[in-house]
Amino acid sequence: MARKDQPVVYPRPRPGTRTGRVWEVADEITQETGRRASRREVVERIVTERGNRGTANTQYQHWKTSYDTTNTPTGPDEDLRNVESQSLSVGPDGRLVIPQEMRKAMLLDKDPWVTVRVEAGELRVVSRPVAIRRTQRKLRSLKRPGVDEVDAFLNDRKTMWGEE
């Protein structure tokens, strides 16, 4: 019996079985989209393949639990997480209310500022803390081991200005 402080881990079904197909579809969609597959996507694809909707729902939940347990981020992004899509309404004045769970996932409880853009008709909203983390992650590969980059930059500037 699993303890409350330990996550439930569901064993992966055998390939070629109906339950195994749900897991395969979830993995395929996740790989195609670069994000965790949603229940709706998986169930729709399984039903299209003439699979059982109930089996797809149950197995998706098992797959999702397993996926979330094994794909929990660690390091500087460990408090970033995904939230399932939801339908929201935009007020006549253009206001959009972001649910609390989404605001928390976007780290908007720490800093209320966001950057907004539209890509191919899709509204993209990125909080400042998430944008900073994304930039830091991209630049991490440029960090030289054992070198304080700020001190190196300041020393280079002093040399350029003839102060050394």
C-alpha atoms as a PDB file:
ATOM      1  CA  MET A   1       0.000   0.000   0.000  1.00  0.00           C
ATOM      2  CA  ALA A   2       1.339   3.451  -0.961  1.00  0.00           C
ATOM      3  CA  ARG A   3       1.895   5.963   1.824  1.00  0.00           C
ATOM      4  CA  LYS A   4       0.269   9.390   1.559  1.00  0.00           C
ATOM      5  CA  ASP A   5       3.647  11.127   1.315  1.00  0.00           C
ATOM      6  CA  GLN A   6       4.734   8.977  -1.646  1.00  0.00           C
ATOM      7  CA  PRO A   7       3.333   9.409  -5.159  1.00  0.00           C
ATOM      8  CA  VAL A   8       1.323   6.596  -6.706  1.00  0.00           C
ATOM      9  CA  VAL A   9       3.212   5.033  -9.591  1.00  0.00           C
ATOM     10  CA  TYR A  10       1.208   3.095 -12.145  1.00  0.00           C
ATOM     11  CA  PRO A  11       3.041   0.421 -14.125  1.00  0.00           C
ATOM     12  CA  ARG A  12       3.145   1.008 -17.862  1.00  0.00           C
ATOM     13  CA  PRO A  13       0.731  -1.350 -19.682  1.00  0.00           C
ATOM     14  CA  ARG A  14       2.140  -3.856 -22.148  1.00  0.00           C
ATOM     15  CA  PRO A  15       2.552  -2.572 -25.728  1.00  0.00           C
ATOM     16  CA  GLY A  16      -0.168  -3.705 -28.119  1.00  0.00           C
ATOM     17  CA  THR A  17      -2.895  -3.716 -25.466  1.00  0.00           C
ATOM     18  CA  ARG A  18      -5.838  -1.289 -25.431  1.00  0.00           C
ATOM     19  CA  THR A  19      -4.578   0.319 -22.252  1.00  0.00           C
ATOM     20  CA  GLY A  20      -1.046   0.434 -23.618  1.00  0.00           C
ATOM     21  CA  ARG A  21      -2.306   2.251 -26.718  1.00  0.00           C
ATOM     22  CA  VAL A  22      -3.620   5.105 -24.557  1.00  0.00           C
ATOM     23  CA  TRP A  23      -0.157   5.560 -23.049  1.00  0.00           C
ATOM     24  CA  GLU A  24       1.437   5.391 -26.512  1.00  0.00           C
ATOM     25  CA  VAL A  25      -0.946   8.077 -27.834  1.00  0.00           C
ATOM     26  CA  ALA A  26      -0.247  10.289 -24.807  1.00  0.00           C
ATOM     27  CA  ASP A  27       3.509   9.905 -25.394  1.00  0.00           C
ATOM     28  CA  GLU A  28       3.109  10.645 -29.129  1.00  0.00           C
ATOM     29  CA  ILE A  29       1.096  13.828 -28.524  1.00  0.00           C
ATOM     30  CA  THR A  30       3.551  14.946 -25.848  1.00  0.00           C
ATOM     31  CA  GLN A  31       6.457  14.453 -28.228  1.00  0.00           C
ATOM     32  CA  GLU A  32       4.630  16.187 -31.115  1.00  0.00           C
ATOM     33  CA  THR A  33       3.620  19.255 -29.115  1.00  0.00           C
ATOM     34  CA  GLY A  34       6.561  19.591 -26.727  1.00  0.00           C
ATOM     35  CA  ARG A  35       4.211  19.744 -23.722  1.00  0.00           C
ATOM     36  CA  ARG A  36       2.260  17.193 -21.702  1.00  0.00           C
ATOM     37  CA  ALA A  37      -0.666  15.831 -23.710  1.00  0.00           C
ATOM     38  CA  SER A  38      -4.087  16.956 -22.526  1.00  0.00           C
ATOM     39  CA  ARG A  39      -6.853  14.538 -21.605  1.00  0.00           C
ATOM     40  CA  ARG A  40      -9.049  15.880 -24.424  1.00  0.00           C
ATOM     41  CA  GLU A  41      -6.363  15.288 -27.071  1.00  0.00           C
ATOM     42  CA  VAL A  42      -5.670  11.745 -25.945  1.00  0.00           C
ATOM     43  CA  VAL A  43      -9.316  10.731 -25.533  1.00  0.00           C
ATOM     44  CA  GLU A  44     -10.282  12.213 -28.915  1.00  0.00           C
ATOM     45  CA  ARG A  45      -7.494  10.329 -30.683  1.00  0.00           C
ATOM     46  CA  ILE A  46      -8.353   7.055 -28.940  1.00  0.00           C
ATOM     47  CA  VAL A  47     -12.068   7.437 -29.764  1.00  0.00           C
ATOM     48  CA  THR A  48     -11.114   8.205 -33.394  1.00  0.00           C
ATOM     49  CA  GLU A  49      -9.231   4.908 -33.391  1.00  0.00           C
ATOM     50  CA  ARG A  50     -12.468   3.246 -32.168  1.00  0.00           C
ATOM     51  CA  GLY A  51     -11.181   2.878 -28.620  1.00  0.00           C
ATOM     52  CA  ASN A  52     -13.281   3.078 -25.474  1.00  0.00           C
ATOM     53  CA  ARG A  53     -13.754   6.594 -24.031  1.00  0.00           C
ATOM     54  CA  GLY A  54     -13.860   5.304 -20.435  1.00  0.00           C
ATOM     55  CA  THR A  55     -10.659   3.310 -20.820  1.00  0.00           C
ATOM     56  CA  ALA A  56      -8.994   6.327 -22.421  1.00  0.00           C
ATOM     57  CA  ASN A  57     -10.013   8.594 -19.533  1.00  0.00           C
ATOM     58  CA  THR A  58      -8.853   6.151 -16.858  1.00  0.00           C
ATOM     59  CA  GLN A  59      -5.580   5.300 -18.565  1.00  0.00           C
ATOM     60  CA  TYR A  60      -4.879   8.960 -19.342  1.00  0.00           C
ATOM     61  CA  GLN A  61      -5.119   9.697 -15.604  1.00  0.00           C
ATOM     62  CA  HIS A  62      -2.690   6.848 -14.840  1.00  0.00           C
ATOM     63  CA  TRP A  63      -0.336   8.042 -17.608  1.00  0.00           C
ATOM     64  CA  LYS A  64      -0.531  11.661 -16.397  1.00  0.00           C
ATOM     65  CA  THR A  65       0.248  10.650 -12.808  1.00  0.00           C
ATOM     66  CA  SER A  66       3.223   8.617 -14.011  1.00  0.00           C
ATOM     67  CA  TYR A  67       4.367  11.384 -16.373  1.00  0.00           C
ATOM     68  CA  ASP A  68       4.141  14.086 -13.704  1.00  0.00           C
ATOM     69  CA  THR A  69       6.009  11.926 -11.201  1.00  0.00           C
ATOM     70  CA  THR A  70       8.886  11.192 -13.574  1.00  0.00           C
ATOM     71  CA  ASN A  71       8.979  14.602 -15.296  1.00  0.00           C
ATOM     72  CA  THR A  72       8.964  16.903 -12.294  1.00  0.00           C
ATOM     73  CA  PRO A  73      11.416  19.703 -13.015  1.00  0.00           C
ATOM     74  CA  THR A  74      14.298  20.219 -10.616  1.00  0.00           C
ATOM     75  CA  GLY A  75      16.639  23.114 -10.125  1.00  0.00           C
ATOM     76  CA  PRO A  76      15.692  26.746 -10.752  1.00  0.00           C
ATOM     77  CA  ASP A  77      12.412  25.872 -12.499  1.00  0.00           C
ATOM     78  CA  GLU A  78      11.103  23.364  -9.971  1.00  0.00           C
ATOM     79  CA  ASP A  79       8.178  25.607  -8.978  1.00  0.00           C
ATOM     80  CA  LEU A  80       7.047  26.044 -12.594  1.00  0.00           C
ATOM     81  CA  ARG A  81       4.294  23.690 -13.629  1.00  0.00           C
ATOM     82  CA  ASN A  82       1.604  23.150 -16.243  1.00  0.00           C
ATOM     83  CA  VAL A  83      -2.086  23.854 -15.806  1.00  0.00           C
ATOM     84  CA  GLU A  84      -4.702  22.278 -18.075  1.00  0.00           C
ATOM     85  CA  SER A  85      -6.338  24.625 -20.584  1.00  0.00           C
ATOM     86  CA  GLN A  86      -9.550  26.343 -19.539  1.00  0.00           C
ATOM     87  CA  SER A  87     -12.148  28.457 -21.283  1.00  0.00           C
ATOM     88  CA  LEU A  88     -12.063  32.100 -20.163  1.00  0.00           C
ATOM     89  CA  SER A  89     -14.110  35.050 -21.323  1.00  0.00           C
ATOM     90  CA  VAL A  90     -12.736  38.394 -22.392  1.00  0.00           C
ATOM     91  CA  GLY A  91     -14.784  41.333 -21.104  1.00  0.00           C
ATOM     92  CA  PRO A  92     -16.081  44.006 -23.474  1.00  0.00           C
ATOM     93  CA  ASP A  93     -13.250  46.274 -22.310  1.00  0.00           C
ATOM     94  CA  GLY A  94     -10.650  43.599 -23.190  1.00  0.00           C
ATOM     95  CA  ARG A  95     -10.023  42.414 -19.642  1.00  0.00           C
ATOM     96  CA  LEU A  96      -9.125  38.806 -19.080  1.00  0.00           C
ATOM     97  CA  VAL A  97      -9.267  37.278 -15.615  1.00  0.00           C
ATOM     98  CA  ILE A  98      -6.575  34.655 -15.102  1.00  0.00           C
ATOM     99  CA  PRO A  99      -7.616  31.966 -12.575  1.00  0.00           C
ATOM    100  CA  GLN A 100      -5.592  31.747  -9.369  1.00  0.00           C
ATOM    101  CA  GLU A 101      -4.101  28.335 -10.210  1.00  0.00           C
ATOM    102  CA  MET A 102      -2.751  29.723 -13.499  1.00  0.00           C
ATOM    103  CA  ARG A 103      -1.430  32.908 -11.853  1.00  0.00           C
ATOM    104  CA  LYS A 104       0.409  30.783  -9.311  1.00  0.00           C
ATOM    105  CA  ALA A 105       1.905  28.563 -12.035  1.00  0.00           C
ATOM    106  CA  MET A 106       3.066  31.724 -13.866  1.00  0.00           C
ATOM    107  CA  LEU A 107       4.674  33.053 -10.627  1.00  0.00           C
ATOM    108  CA  LEU A 108       2.400  36.095 -10.737  1.00  0.00           C
ATOM    109  CA  ASP A 109       2.072  35.951  -6.945  1.00  0.00           C
ATOM    110  CA  LYS A 110       5.684  37.163  -6.709  1.00  0.00           C
ATOM    111  CA  ASP A 111       5.666  39.793  -9.473  1.00  0.00           C
ATOM    112  CA  PRO A 112       2.500  41.096 -11.197  1.00  0.00           C
ATOM    113  CA  TRP A 113       4.111  42.257 -14.477  1.00  0.00           C
ATOM    114  CA  VAL A 114       3.686  40.327 -17.733  1.00  0.00           C
ATOM    115  CA  THR A 115       4.807  40.604 -21.345  1.00  0.00           C
ATOM    116  CA  VAL A 116       2.091  39.961 -23.911  1.00  0.00           C
ATOM    117  CA  ARG A 117       2.322  39.239 -27.626  1.00  0.00           C
ATOM    118  CA  VAL A 118       0.198  37.648 -30.332  1.00  0.00           C
ATOM    119  CA  GLU A 119       1.700  34.879 -32.478  1.00  0.00           C
ATOM    120  CA  ALA A 120      -0.395  33.587 -35.366  1.00  0.00           C
ATOM    121  CA  GLY A 121      -3.573  34.792 -33.652  1.00  0.00           C
ATOM    122  CA  GLU A 122      -2.648  33.223 -30.303  1.00  0.00           C
ATOM    123  CA  LEU A 123      -2.205  35.414 -27.205  1.00  0.00           C
ATOM    124  CA  ARG A 124       0.999  34.635 -25.337  1.00  0.00           C
ATOM    125  CA  VAL A 125       1.365  35.940 -21.776  1.00  0.00           C
ATOM    126  CA  VAL A 126       4.705  35.519 -19.982  1.00  0.00           C
ATOM    127  CA  SER A 127       5.355  36.726 -16.446  1.00  0.00           C
ATOM    128  CA  ARG A 128       8.564  38.601 -15.721  1.00  0.00           C
ATOM    129  CA  PRO A 129       9.944  35.925 -13.337  1.00  0.00           C
ATOM    130  CA  VAL A 130       9.369  33.201 -15.945  1.00  0.00           C
ATOM    131  CA  ALA A 131      10.954  35.338 -18.694  1.00  0.00           C
ATOM    132  CA  ILE A 132      13.996  35.956 -16.494  1.00  0.00           C
ATOM    133  CA  ARG A 133      14.365  32.232 -15.744  1.00  0.00           C
ATOM    134  CA  ARG A 134      14.010  31.379 -19.434  1.00  0.00           C
ATOM    135  CA  THR A 135      16.749  33.894 -20.319  1.00  0.00           C
ATOM    136  CA  GLN A 136      19.012  32.616 -17.541  1.00  0.00           C
ATOM    137  CA  ARG A 137      18.551  29.036 -18.758  1.00  0.00           C
ATOM    138  CA  LYS A 138      19.463  30.048 -22.338  1.00  0.00           C
ATOM    139  CA  LEU A 139      22.552  31.948 -21.217  1.00  0.00           C
ATOM    140  CA  ARG A 140      23.741  29.315 -18.736  1.00  0.00           C
ATOM    141  CA  SER A 141      25.675  27.564 -21.513  1.00  0.00           C
ATOM    142  CA  LEU A 142      27.803  30.699 -21.999  1.00  0.00           C
ATOM    143  CA  LYS A 143      29.010  30.695 -18.393  1.00  0.00           C
ATOM    144  CA  ARG A 144      32.668  29.847 -18.100  1.00  0.00           C
ATOM    145  CA  PRO A 145      33.525  27.549 -15.165  1.00  0.00           C
ATOM    146  CA  GLY A 146      35.320  29.335 -12.339  1.00  0.00           C
ATOM    147  CA  VAL A 147      34.878  32.788 -13.898  1.00  0.00           C
ATOM    148  CA  ASP A 148      32.806  35.533 -12.292  1.00  0.00           C
ATOM    149  CA  GLU A 149      31.309  37.003 -15.459  1.00  0.00           C
ATOM    150  CA  VAL A 150      30.360  40.315 -13.847  1.00  0.00           C
ATOM    151  CA  ASP A 151      33.886  40.903 -12.526  1.00  0.00           C
ATOM    152  CA  ALA A 152      35.347  39.902 -15.908  1.00  0.00           C
ATOM    153  CA  PHE A 153      33.029  42.352 -17.668  1.00  0.00           C
ATOM    154  CA  LEU A 154      33.897  45.202 -15.280  1.00  0.00           C
ATOM    155  CA  ASN A 155      37.620  44.513 -15.624  1.00  0.00           C
ATOM    156  CA  ASP A 156      37.295  44.544 -19.418  1.00  0.00           C
ATOM    157  CA  ARG A 157      35.483  47.897 -19.222  1.00  0.00           C
ATOM    158  CA  LYS A 158      38.130  49.394 -16.942  1.00  0.00           C
ATOM    159  CA  THR A 159      40.794  48.294 -19.413  1.00  0.00           C
ATOM    160  CA  MET A 160      38.836  49.808 -22.312  1.00  0.00           C
ATOM    161  CA  TRP A 161      38.477  53.114 -20.467  1.00  0.00           C
ATOM    162  CA  GLY A 162      42.148  53.168 -19.509  1.00  0.00           C
ATOM    163  CA  GLU A 163      41.502  52.947 -15.792  1.00  0.00           C
ATOM    164  CA  GLU A 164      43.955  50.090 -15.283  1.00  0.00           C
END
